[in-house]
Protein backbone atom coordinates (compact mmCIF):
# COMPACT_ATOMS: atom_id res chain seq x y z
CA MET A 1 0.00 0.00 0.00
CA ASN A 2 1.43 3.34 -1.04
CA LEU A 3 0.89 5.72 1.88
CA SER A 4 2.28 8.72 0.02
CA ALA A 5 -0.36 8.50 -2.75
CA PRO A 6 -2.86 10.79 -0.96
CA ILE A 7 -0.11 13.33 -0.28
CA ASN A 8 1.10 13.24 -3.88
CA SER A 9 -2.49 13.55 -5.07
CA LEU A 10 -3.02 16.60 -2.87
CA LEU A 11 0.23 18.22 -4.03
CA LEU A 12 -0.55 17.53 -7.68
CA THR A 13 -3.99 19.05 -7.26
CA ALA A 14 -2.52 22.13 -5.59
CA SER A 15 0.07 22.49 -8.34
CA GLY A 16 -2.49 22.42 -11.12
CA THR A 17 -2.01 18.90 -12.52
CA SER A 18 -4.66 16.23 -12.41
CA PRO A 19 -4.24 13.52 -9.74
CA GLY A 20 -5.06 10.74 -12.22
CA SER A 21 -2.18 11.61 -14.55
CA HIS A 22 0.43 10.05 -12.18
CA GLU A 23 3.01 12.66 -13.13
CA THR A 24 5.83 13.24 -10.72
CA THR A 25 6.87 16.50 -12.36
CA VAL A 26 4.83 19.64 -11.97
CA THR A 27 3.95 21.23 -15.28
CA THR A 28 5.45 24.56 -16.30
CA ALA A 29 1.98 26.09 -16.56
CA ALA A 30 1.57 25.73 -12.80
CA ILE A 31 4.97 27.34 -12.23
CA ALA A 32 4.46 30.31 -14.54
CA SER A 33 3.07 32.69 -11.97
CA PRO A 34 4.08 36.18 -10.90
CA LEU A 35 5.44 34.74 -7.63
CA ALA A 36 7.91 32.35 -9.29
CA PRO A 37 10.94 34.66 -8.79
CA VAL A 38 9.99 35.20 -5.14
CA ILE A 39 9.66 31.45 -4.57
CA THR A 40 13.06 30.91 -6.20
CA ILE A 41 14.68 33.49 -3.92
CA VAL A 42 13.00 32.11 -0.80
CA VAL A 43 14.06 28.54 -1.67
CA SER A 44 17.65 29.69 -2.31
CA VAL A 45 17.84 31.57 0.98
CA GLY A 46 16.29 28.60 2.80
CA MET A 47 18.86 26.23 1.29
CA ALA A 48 21.73 28.51 2.27
CA THR A 49 20.37 28.79 5.80
CA LEU A 50 19.95 25.04 6.15
CA ILE A 51 23.44 24.38 4.83
CA GLY A 52 24.83 26.84 7.39
CA GLY A 53 22.90 25.07 10.14
CA MET A 54 24.17 21.71 8.91
CA VAL A 55 27.76 22.93 9.17
CA LEU A 56 27.14 24.04 12.76
CA CYS A 57 25.51 20.70 13.62
CA LEU A 58 28.44 18.81 12.11
CA TYR A 59 30.81 20.87 14.26
CA ARG A 60 28.83 20.03 17.41
CA LEU A 61 28.58 16.39 16.31
CA LEU A 62 32.35 16.12 16.04
CA ARG A 63 33.37 18.32 18.99
CA GLY A 64 30.48 17.80 21.42
CA PRO A 65 31.74 17.43 24.96
CA HIS A 66 29.03 14.91 25.90
CA MET A 67 27.17 12.14 24.13
CA GLY A 68 23.89 14.01 24.64
CA ASP A 69 25.22 16.99 22.69
CA ARG A 70 26.17 14.70 19.84
CA VAL A 71 22.75 13.02 19.82
CA LEU A 72 20.96 16.38 19.71
CA ALA A 73 23.26 17.54 16.92
CA ALA A 74 22.57 14.38 14.93
CA ASP A 75 18.82 14.81 15.42
CA ALA A 76 18.94 18.46 14.32
CA LEU A 77 21.11 17.46 11.37
CA SER A 78 18.58 14.87 10.22
CA LEU A 79 15.78 17.44 10.42
CA GLN A 80 17.84 19.90 8.40
CA VAL A 81 18.49 17.23 5.78
CA VAL A 82 14.73 16.69 5.56
CA GLY A 83 14.22 20.42 5.05
CA LEU A 84 16.95 20.54 2.42
CA VAL A 85 15.43 17.60 0.51
CA ILE A 86 12.01 19.28 0.54
CA LEU A 87 13.47 22.56 -0.72
CA LEU A 88 15.34 20.66 -3.42
CA GLY A 89 12.06 19.07 -4.50
CA ILE A 90 10.43 22.49 -4.68
CA GLN A 91 13.34 23.90 -6.68
CA LEU A 92 13.38 21.00 -9.14
CA HIS A 93 9.55 20.92 -9.39
CA THR A 94 9.24 17.22 -8.64
CA LEU A 95 7.30 15.33 -6.00
CA ILE A 96 9.56 12.29 -5.58
CA TYR A 97 11.72 14.17 -3.07
CA PHE A 98 8.82 14.34 -0.61
CA ASP A 99 8.92 10.54 -0.33
CA VAL A 100 12.68 10.72 0.21
CA ALA A 101 12.14 13.34 2.93
CA LEU A 102 9.72 11.00 4.73
CA VAL A 103 12.26 8.16 4.65
CA VAL A 104 15.04 10.42 5.97
CA ALA A 105 12.76 11.67 8.76
CA ILE A 106 11.87 8.12 9.82
CA ILE A 107 15.53 7.05 9.83
CA GLY A 108 16.50 10.16 11.81
CA PHE A 109 13.78 9.48 14.38
CA ALA A 110 14.80 5.84 14.73
CA SER A 111 18.47 6.75 15.17
CA THR A 112 17.58 9.31 17.84
CA LEU A 113 15.63 6.66 19.74
CA ALA A 114 18.52 4.22 19.44
CA PHE A 115 21.01 6.77 20.76
CA ALA A 116 18.68 7.69 23.62
CA GLN A 117 18.35 4.01 24.54
CA TYR A 118 22.14 3.66 24.50
CA ILE A 119 22.67 6.71 26.70
CA GLY A 120 19.99 5.48 29.11
CA SER A 121 21.60 2.06 29.40
CA GLN A 122 25.02 3.62 30.03
CA LYS A 123 23.63 5.86 32.76
CA LEU A 124 21.80 2.91 34.35
CA ALA A 125 24.98 0.81 34.32
CA ARG A 126 26.93 3.64 36.01
CA THR A 127 24.33 4.12 38.75
CA GLN A 128 24.20 0.36 39.44
CA GLU A 129 27.99 0.21 39.54
CA SER A 130 28.23 3.13 41.97
CA THR A 131 25.58 1.70 44.34
CA SER A 132 27.18 -1.76 44.41
CA VAL A 133 30.59 -0.42 45.49
């Protein structure tokens, strides 16, 4: 079952193409609007901002003093990658990147849960070790 079909159908309807055509590329007629240059500028500024945030998250991921800092940086980095993929899909006028963004978001969420479980088990092991001594 394709769960992204209703989302793609909604996006295709909003972009001016018919949902039954199964196109993954938005037509140029839907793009030719007076706001197209504004959208291009906003997407470019958003991409630059996200790339700057990704650089800062990579720095914290590599230099974080604690494991918690690194986990938060990895979580923020995954969210910024999702945002970058969505902006790339808007810039390239295709809907396939929205599916990719969903996959990246799910993987980022799962990795955050795994890291949290690891940190919790390490903290539990340290408290049990300190109480047994």
